[in-house]
Amino acid sequence: MILKPIGERIVVKMVEVEEKTSSGIVLPSSAKEKPQVAEVVAVSKAIENNENNIKINVGDKVIYSKYSGTEVKLDDEEYIIVKLEDVLAIVE
């Protein structure tokens, strides 16, 4: 199944980050806060044709607002659909 966002939205997939304490203990995912860094997997046509000079492409890593987006699970993969205005930065 393929997600095609509409309006000014993107589909992102969370980037897995392994967290360690300063003493080397690996923290389980239940003990840490969800990161706001994600990889873009789909971009709507409205953003591709955007006249605001905002260029977000598939494969970019972005930081988005903490409580934004709609979580969706397809084919055992978790995605988040985020409005363009909730994207704060592109990670380079």
C-alpha atoms as a PDB file:
ATOM      1  CA  MET A   1       0.000   0.000   0.000  1.00  0.00           C
ATOM      2  CA  ILE A   2       1.247   3.480  -0.852  1.00  0.00           C
ATOM      3  CA  LEU A   3       0.452   6.678   1.052  1.00  0.00           C
ATOM      4  CA  LYS A   4      -0.079   9.799  -1.085  1.00  0.00           C
ATOM      5  CA  PRO A   5      -0.534  12.863   1.120  1.00  0.00           C
ATOM      6  CA  ILE A   6      -2.939  15.590  -0.013  1.00  0.00           C
ATOM      7  CA  GLY A   7      -2.922  19.290   0.736  1.00  0.00           C
ATOM      8  CA  GLU A   8       0.325  20.638   2.164  1.00  0.00           C
ATOM      9  CA  ARG A   9       1.315  17.456   4.009  1.00  0.00           C
ATOM     10  CA  ILE A  10       4.204  15.003   4.094  1.00  0.00           C
ATOM     11  CA  VAL A  11       4.469  11.409   5.285  1.00  0.00           C
ATOM     12  CA  VAL A  12       7.398  10.661   7.572  1.00  0.00           C
ATOM     13  CA  LYS A  13       8.839   7.565   9.206  1.00  0.00           C
ATOM     14  CA  MET A  14      10.496   7.801  12.599  1.00  0.00           C
ATOM     15  CA  VAL A  15      14.269   7.503  12.681  1.00  0.00           C
ATOM     16  CA  GLU A  16      15.380   4.843  15.156  1.00  0.00           C
ATOM     17  CA  VAL A  17      17.903   6.261  17.605  1.00  0.00           C
ATOM     18  CA  GLU A  18      19.584   4.093  20.210  1.00  0.00           C
ATOM     19  CA  GLU A  19      19.928   6.011  23.446  1.00  0.00           C
ATOM     20  CA  LYS A  20      22.707   5.319  25.941  1.00  0.00           C
ATOM     21  CA  THR A  21      23.389   6.854  29.308  1.00  0.00           C
ATOM     22  CA  SER A  22      26.799   8.337  30.093  1.00  0.00           C
ATOM     23  CA  SER A  23      27.715   5.046  31.818  1.00  0.00           C
ATOM     24  CA  GLY A  24      26.890   3.013  28.680  1.00  0.00           C
ATOM     25  CA  ILE A  25      23.490   1.595  29.647  1.00  0.00           C
ATOM     26  CA  VAL A  26      21.159   1.252  26.638  1.00  0.00           C
ATOM     27  CA  LEU A  27      17.718   2.703  27.363  1.00  0.00           C
ATOM     28  CA  PRO A  28      14.679   0.730  26.144  1.00  0.00           C
ATOM     29  CA  SER A  29      12.246   2.583  23.885  1.00  0.00           C
ATOM     30  CA  SER A  30       9.643   2.659  26.669  1.00  0.00           C
ATOM     31  CA  ALA A  31      12.004   4.692  28.879  1.00  0.00           C
ATOM     32  CA  LYS A  32      12.758   7.471  26.439  1.00  0.00           C
ATOM     33  CA  GLU A  33      10.832  10.240  24.772  1.00  0.00           C
ATOM     34  CA  LYS A  34       9.887   9.863  21.111  1.00  0.00           C
ATOM     35  CA  PRO A  35      12.252  11.822  18.870  1.00  0.00           C
ATOM     36  CA  GLN A  36      10.911  14.506  16.572  1.00  0.00           C
ATOM     37  CA  VAL A  37      13.385  13.586  13.826  1.00  0.00           C
ATOM     38  CA  ALA A  38      11.917  11.600  10.959  1.00  0.00           C
ATOM     39  CA  GLU A  39      12.682  10.684   7.360  1.00  0.00           C
ATOM     40  CA  VAL A  40      10.356  11.923   4.625  1.00  0.00           C
ATOM     41  CA  VAL A  41       8.818   9.035   2.660  1.00  0.00           C
ATOM     42  CA  ALA A  42       6.193  10.945   0.630  1.00  0.00           C
ATOM     43  CA  VAL A  43       5.491  14.563  -0.326  1.00  0.00           C
ATOM     44  CA  SER A  44       2.161  15.912  -1.602  1.00  0.00           C
ATOM     45  CA  LYS A  45       1.788  17.464  -5.052  1.00  0.00           C
ATOM     46  CA  ALA A  46       0.878  20.781  -3.379  1.00  0.00           C
ATOM     47  CA  ILE A  47       4.344  20.921  -1.778  1.00  0.00           C
ATOM     48  CA  GLU A  48       6.117  19.801  -4.958  1.00  0.00           C
ATOM     49  CA  ASN A  49       4.424  22.671  -6.820  1.00  0.00           C
ATOM     50  CA  ASN A  50       4.856  25.085  -3.895  1.00  0.00           C
ATOM     51  CA  GLU A  51       5.609  28.696  -4.751  1.00  0.00           C
ATOM     52  CA  ASN A  52       6.981  29.468  -1.253  1.00  0.00           C
ATOM     53  CA  ASN A  53      10.440  28.104  -2.165  1.00  0.00           C
ATOM     54  CA  ILE A  54      10.211  25.414   0.519  1.00  0.00           C
ATOM     55  CA  LYS A  55      11.940  22.349  -0.868  1.00  0.00           C
ATOM     56  CA  ILE A  56      11.298  19.127   1.031  1.00  0.00           C
ATOM     57  CA  ASN A  57      12.150  15.930  -0.804  1.00  0.00           C
ATOM     58  CA  VAL A  58      11.713  12.235  -0.159  1.00  0.00           C
ATOM     59  CA  GLY A  59      14.710  11.044   1.862  1.00  0.00           C
ATOM     60  CA  ASP A  60      15.210  14.313   3.752  1.00  0.00           C
ATOM     61  CA  LYS A  61      15.380  14.146   7.522  1.00  0.00           C
ATOM     62  CA  VAL A  62      13.149  16.725   9.212  1.00  0.00           C
ATOM     63  CA  ILE A  63      12.323  17.925  12.705  1.00  0.00           C
ATOM     64  CA  TYR A  64       8.623  18.464  13.328  1.00  0.00           C
ATOM     65  CA  SER A  65       6.516  19.899  16.175  1.00  0.00           C
ATOM     66  CA  LYS A  66       6.212  17.624  19.171  1.00  0.00           C
ATOM     67  CA  TYR A  67       2.446  17.058  19.253  1.00  0.00           C
ATOM     68  CA  SER A  68       1.697  17.333  15.555  1.00  0.00           C
ATOM     69  CA  GLY A  69       0.727  14.800  12.945  1.00  0.00           C
ATOM     70  CA  THR A  70      -1.492  11.766  12.637  1.00  0.00           C
ATOM     71  CA  GLU A  71       0.006   8.345  13.288  1.00  0.00           C
ATOM     72  CA  VAL A  72      -0.847   5.618  10.766  1.00  0.00           C
ATOM     73  CA  LYS A  73       0.193   1.955  10.644  1.00  0.00           C
ATOM     74  CA  LEU A  74       0.374   0.258   7.224  1.00  0.00           C
ATOM     75  CA  ASP A  75       1.940  -3.112   6.435  1.00  0.00           C
ATOM     76  CA  ASP A  76       3.495  -3.306   9.940  1.00  0.00           C
ATOM     77  CA  GLU A  77       5.231   0.056   9.423  1.00  0.00           C
ATOM     78  CA  GLU A  78       4.380   3.179  11.434  1.00  0.00           C
ATOM     79  CA  TYR A  79       4.145   6.524   9.663  1.00  0.00           C
ATOM     80  CA  ILE A  80       3.144  10.046  10.653  1.00  0.00           C
ATOM     81  CA  ILE A  81       1.284  12.428   8.341  1.00  0.00           C
ATOM     82  CA  VAL A  82       2.444  15.961   9.143  1.00  0.00           C
ATOM     83  CA  LYS A  83       1.311  19.362   7.850  1.00  0.00           C
ATOM     84  CA  LEU A  84       4.032  21.413   6.179  1.00  0.00           C
ATOM     85  CA  GLU A  85       3.566  24.195   8.730  1.00  0.00           C
ATOM     86  CA  ASP A  86       4.517  21.721  11.524  1.00  0.00           C
ATOM     87  CA  VAL A  87       7.942  21.020   9.967  1.00  0.00           C
ATOM     88  CA  LEU A  88      10.468  23.091  11.886  1.00  0.00           C
ATOM     89  CA  ALA A  89      13.745  22.250  10.142  1.00  0.00           C
ATOM     90  CA  ILE A  90      15.535  20.025   7.657  1.00  0.00           C
ATOM     91  CA  VAL A  91      18.479  18.115   9.144  1.00  0.00           C
ATOM     92  CA  GLU A  92      21.611  18.245   6.967  1.00  0.00           C
END
